[in-house]
Amino acid sequence: MQPQRKLNKSRRVKRKEADLMGFKLIINNQGQFITELKTYPMDKIPLHFKKENAGVITAMLRECKINFTDLHDDLEKVAKNVFYS
């Protein structure tokens, strides 16, 4: 029997990419359309990113959220026009 490996939790992994925002358009098995918006937590940005990048990332996420909200509203109008016409 091999000895169990200890996990080194104090060591941080430096990642090369981060998903900051995501938008999904989903259709379920009842034919309903669902939009899903995933956003990186704003309070975690200064903790995980360099100071010179944190302001730009925050501004980009704010703009994306506005645009994705507008996209959600537009898709809702399209769905209502198609299904209720």
N, C-alpha and C. Protein backbone atom coordinates (compact mmCIF):
# COMPACT_ATOMS: atom_id res chain seq x y z
N MET A 1 0.84 -1.17 0.00
CA MET A 1 0.00 0.00 0.00
C MET A 1 0.89 1.24 0.00
N GLN A 2 0.54 2.20 -0.85
CA GLN A 2 1.32 3.43 -0.94
C GLN A 2 0.86 4.43 0.12
N PRO A 3 1.79 5.20 0.67
CA PRO A 3 1.36 6.24 1.63
C PRO A 3 0.58 7.33 0.91
N GLN A 4 -0.38 7.90 1.61
CA GLN A 4 -1.20 8.95 1.01
C GLN A 4 -0.38 10.20 0.79
N ARG A 5 -0.61 10.82 -0.36
CA ARG A 5 0.07 12.06 -0.69
C ARG A 5 -0.57 13.23 0.04
N LYS A 6 0.23 14.09 0.58
CA LYS A 6 -0.30 15.28 1.24
C LYS A 6 -0.51 16.37 0.20
N LEU A 7 -1.62 17.03 0.29
CA LEU A 7 -1.89 18.15 -0.60
C LEU A 7 -1.27 19.41 -0.03
N ASN A 8 -0.58 20.12 -0.86
CA ASN A 8 0.06 21.36 -0.44
C ASN A 8 -0.89 22.51 -0.72
N LYS A 9 -1.70 22.86 0.23
CA LYS A 9 -2.73 23.88 0.02
C LYS A 9 -2.17 25.29 0.08
N SER A 10 -1.00 25.48 0.65
CA SER A 10 -0.45 26.83 0.77
C SER A 10 0.13 27.32 -0.55
N ARG A 11 0.41 26.43 -1.46
CA ARG A 11 0.99 26.81 -2.75
C ARG A 11 -0.11 27.25 -3.71
N ARG A 12 0.03 28.44 -4.27
CA ARG A 12 -0.96 28.98 -5.20
C ARG A 12 -0.52 28.72 -6.62
N VAL A 13 -1.46 28.41 -7.46
CA VAL A 13 -1.18 28.18 -8.86
C VAL A 13 -1.45 29.47 -9.62
N LYS A 14 -0.49 29.91 -10.40
CA LYS A 14 -0.68 31.12 -11.18
C LYS A 14 -1.31 30.73 -12.52
N ARG A 15 -2.52 31.15 -12.73
CA ARG A 15 -3.25 30.78 -13.95
C ARG A 15 -2.96 31.79 -15.06
N LYS A 16 -3.13 31.33 -16.28
CA LYS A 16 -2.87 32.18 -17.44
C LYS A 16 -4.14 32.77 -18.03
N GLU A 17 -5.28 32.21 -17.66
CA GLU A 17 -6.56 32.69 -18.18
C GLU A 17 -7.60 32.71 -17.06
N ALA A 18 -8.59 33.56 -17.25
CA ALA A 18 -9.71 33.61 -16.30
C ALA A 18 -10.98 33.92 -17.07
N ASP A 19 -12.04 33.19 -16.80
CA ASP A 19 -13.35 33.49 -17.38
C ASP A 19 -13.95 34.62 -16.56
N LEU A 20 -14.03 35.79 -17.16
CA LEU A 20 -14.53 36.96 -16.44
C LEU A 20 -16.03 37.12 -16.58
N MET A 21 -16.57 36.75 -17.74
CA MET A 21 -18.00 36.88 -17.95
C MET A 21 -18.44 35.88 -19.00
N GLY A 22 -19.64 35.37 -18.83
CA GLY A 22 -20.20 34.45 -19.80
C GLY A 22 -21.68 34.69 -19.98
N PHE A 23 -22.16 34.48 -21.21
CA PHE A 23 -23.58 34.63 -21.53
C PHE A 23 -24.01 33.37 -22.26
N LYS A 24 -25.11 32.77 -21.83
CA LYS A 24 -25.64 31.57 -22.48
C LYS A 24 -27.08 31.80 -22.87
N LEU A 25 -27.44 31.28 -24.01
CA LEU A 25 -28.83 31.21 -24.44
C LEU A 25 -29.17 29.73 -24.47
N ILE A 26 -30.12 29.33 -23.63
CA ILE A 26 -30.45 27.92 -23.43
C ILE A 26 -31.91 27.69 -23.81
N ILE A 27 -32.19 26.52 -24.37
CA ILE A 27 -33.58 26.11 -24.56
C ILE A 27 -33.76 24.80 -23.80
N ASN A 28 -34.82 24.73 -22.98
CA ASN A 28 -35.04 23.52 -22.19
C ASN A 28 -35.99 22.59 -22.94
N ASN A 29 -36.31 21.44 -22.33
CA ASN A 29 -37.13 20.44 -23.02
C ASN A 29 -38.60 20.83 -23.11
N GLN A 30 -39.02 21.92 -22.46
CA GLN A 30 -40.38 22.43 -22.63
C GLN A 30 -40.45 23.52 -23.70
N GLY A 31 -39.31 23.81 -24.32
CA GLY A 31 -39.28 24.83 -25.37
C GLY A 31 -39.11 26.24 -24.84
N GLN A 32 -38.76 26.39 -23.59
CA GLN A 32 -38.56 27.71 -23.01
C GLN A 32 -37.12 28.15 -23.21
N PHE A 33 -36.96 29.41 -23.56
CA PHE A 33 -35.62 29.98 -23.71
C PHE A 33 -35.19 30.59 -22.38
N ILE A 34 -33.95 30.38 -22.04
CA ILE A 34 -33.40 30.89 -20.79
C ILE A 34 -32.08 31.57 -21.12
N THR A 35 -31.87 32.75 -20.55
CA THR A 35 -30.56 33.39 -20.67
C THR A 35 -29.86 33.31 -19.32
N GLU A 36 -28.55 33.08 -19.39
CA GLU A 36 -27.77 32.94 -18.17
C GLU A 36 -26.56 33.86 -18.27
N LEU A 37 -26.33 34.64 -17.25
CA LEU A 37 -25.19 35.56 -17.21
C LEU A 37 -24.33 35.20 -16.01
N LYS A 38 -23.05 34.88 -16.28
CA LYS A 38 -22.11 34.59 -15.21
C LYS A 38 -21.06 35.69 -15.19
N THR A 39 -20.81 36.23 -14.01
CA THR A 39 -19.87 37.34 -13.85
C THR A 39 -18.85 37.02 -12.77
N TYR A 40 -17.62 37.38 -13.03
CA TYR A 40 -16.58 37.25 -12.02
C TYR A 40 -16.92 38.19 -10.87
N PRO A 41 -16.79 37.77 -9.63
CA PRO A 41 -17.16 38.64 -8.50
C PRO A 41 -16.31 39.92 -8.47
N MET A 42 -16.98 41.06 -8.46
CA MET A 42 -16.28 42.35 -8.49
C MET A 42 -15.38 42.55 -7.27
N ASP A 43 -15.78 42.02 -6.12
CA ASP A 43 -14.96 42.21 -4.92
C ASP A 43 -13.69 41.36 -4.93
N LYS A 44 -13.61 40.38 -5.82
CA LYS A 44 -12.43 39.52 -5.91
C LYS A 44 -11.39 40.04 -6.92
N ILE A 45 -11.77 40.99 -7.75
CA ILE A 45 -10.86 41.48 -8.79
C ILE A 45 -9.57 42.06 -8.20
N PRO A 46 -9.62 42.94 -7.20
CA PRO A 46 -8.36 43.47 -6.65
C PRO A 46 -7.49 42.39 -5.98
N LEU A 47 -8.11 41.32 -5.52
CA LEU A 47 -7.36 40.25 -4.88
C LEU A 47 -6.61 39.38 -5.88
N HIS A 48 -7.21 39.17 -7.06
CA HIS A 48 -6.66 38.21 -8.01
C HIS A 48 -5.92 38.82 -9.19
N PHE A 49 -6.02 40.12 -9.37
CA PHE A 49 -5.39 40.76 -10.53
C PHE A 49 -4.49 41.90 -10.07
N LYS A 50 -3.53 42.22 -10.91
CA LYS A 50 -2.61 43.32 -10.62
C LYS A 50 -3.39 44.63 -10.56
N LYS A 51 -2.89 45.55 -9.77
CA LYS A 51 -3.57 46.83 -9.55
C LYS A 51 -3.79 47.59 -10.85
N GLU A 52 -2.79 47.58 -11.74
CA GLU A 52 -2.92 48.32 -13.01
C GLU A 52 -3.96 47.69 -13.95
N ASN A 53 -4.29 46.43 -13.74
CA ASN A 53 -5.30 45.77 -14.58
C ASN A 53 -6.69 45.79 -13.94
N ALA A 54 -6.76 45.92 -12.64
CA ALA A 54 -8.04 45.80 -11.93
C ALA A 54 -9.05 46.86 -12.38
N GLY A 55 -8.61 48.09 -12.60
CA GLY A 55 -9.53 49.14 -13.03
C GLY A 55 -10.11 48.87 -14.41
N VAL A 56 -9.26 48.40 -15.32
CA VAL A 56 -9.71 48.09 -16.68
C VAL A 56 -10.68 46.91 -16.66
N ILE A 57 -10.35 45.90 -15.89
CA ILE A 57 -11.22 44.71 -15.80
C ILE A 57 -12.58 45.09 -15.22
N THR A 58 -12.59 45.90 -14.19
CA THR A 58 -13.85 46.34 -13.58
C THR A 58 -14.69 47.11 -14.59
N ALA A 59 -14.07 48.03 -15.33
CA ALA A 59 -14.79 48.82 -16.33
C ALA A 59 -15.35 47.93 -17.44
N MET A 60 -14.54 46.96 -17.89
CA MET A 60 -15.00 46.07 -18.96
C MET A 60 -16.16 45.20 -18.51
N LEU A 61 -16.10 44.71 -17.28
CA LEU A 61 -17.20 43.90 -16.75
C LEU A 61 -18.48 44.72 -16.61
N ARG A 62 -18.32 45.96 -16.18
CA ARG A 62 -19.49 46.84 -16.04
C ARG A 62 -20.14 47.07 -17.41
N GLU A 63 -19.34 47.33 -18.44
CA GLU A 63 -19.87 47.56 -19.79
C GLU A 63 -20.49 46.28 -20.35
N CYS A 64 -19.84 45.15 -20.13
CA CYS A 64 -20.38 43.88 -20.61
C CYS A 64 -21.73 43.59 -19.97
N LYS A 65 -21.84 43.86 -18.69
CA LYS A 65 -23.10 43.59 -17.99
C LYS A 65 -24.23 44.43 -18.59
N ILE A 66 -23.94 45.68 -18.90
CA ILE A 66 -24.95 46.55 -19.53
C ILE A 66 -25.35 45.99 -20.89
N ASN A 67 -24.35 45.62 -21.70
CA ASN A 67 -24.64 45.12 -23.04
C ASN A 67 -25.35 43.77 -23.01
N PHE A 68 -24.96 42.90 -22.09
CA PHE A 68 -25.63 41.61 -21.99
C PHE A 68 -27.06 41.76 -21.48
N THR A 69 -27.29 42.72 -20.62
CA THR A 69 -28.66 42.99 -20.16
C THR A 69 -29.52 43.48 -21.33
N ASP A 70 -28.95 44.36 -22.16
CA ASP A 70 -29.66 44.82 -23.35
C ASP A 70 -29.93 43.66 -24.31
N LEU A 71 -28.95 42.77 -24.47
CA LEU A 71 -29.13 41.60 -25.33
C LEU A 71 -30.24 40.71 -24.79
N HIS A 72 -30.27 40.50 -23.49
CA HIS A 72 -31.33 39.70 -22.86
C HIS A 72 -32.70 40.31 -23.16
N ASP A 73 -32.81 41.63 -23.01
CA ASP A 73 -34.08 42.31 -23.27
C ASP A 73 -34.49 42.17 -24.74
N ASP A 74 -33.52 42.30 -25.66
CA ASP A 74 -33.81 42.15 -27.09
C ASP A 74 -34.27 40.73 -27.42
N LEU A 75 -33.61 39.75 -26.85
CA LEU A 75 -33.99 38.36 -27.08
C LEU A 75 -35.37 38.06 -26.51
N GLU A 76 -35.70 38.68 -25.39
CA GLU A 76 -37.02 38.51 -24.79
C GLU A 76 -38.10 39.07 -25.72
N LYS A 77 -37.82 40.22 -26.34
CA LYS A 77 -38.77 40.81 -27.29
C LYS A 77 -38.95 39.92 -28.51
N VAL A 78 -37.86 39.36 -29.02
CA VAL A 78 -37.93 38.46 -30.19
C VAL A 78 -38.78 37.24 -29.85
N ALA A 79 -38.54 36.64 -28.69
CA ALA A 79 -39.29 35.47 -28.29
C ALA A 79 -40.78 35.78 -28.14
N LYS A 80 -41.11 36.92 -27.56
CA LYS A 80 -42.53 37.29 -27.40
C LYS A 80 -43.18 37.51 -28.76
N ASN A 81 -42.45 38.15 -29.69
CA ASN A 81 -43.01 38.39 -31.03
C ASN A 81 -43.24 37.09 -31.78
N VAL A 82 -42.36 36.15 -31.65
CA VAL A 82 -42.48 34.88 -32.38
C VAL A 82 -43.58 34.02 -31.77
N PHE A 83 -43.60 33.91 -30.46
CA PHE A 83 -44.54 32.99 -29.82
C PHE A 83 -45.94 33.57 -29.66
N TYR A 84 -46.08 34.88 -29.63
CA TYR A 84 -47.39 35.48 -29.39
C TYR A 84 -47.94 36.22 -30.60
N SER A 85 -47.39 35.91 -31.79
CA SER A 85 -47.93 36.59 -32.98
C SER A 85 -48.82 35.68 -33.79
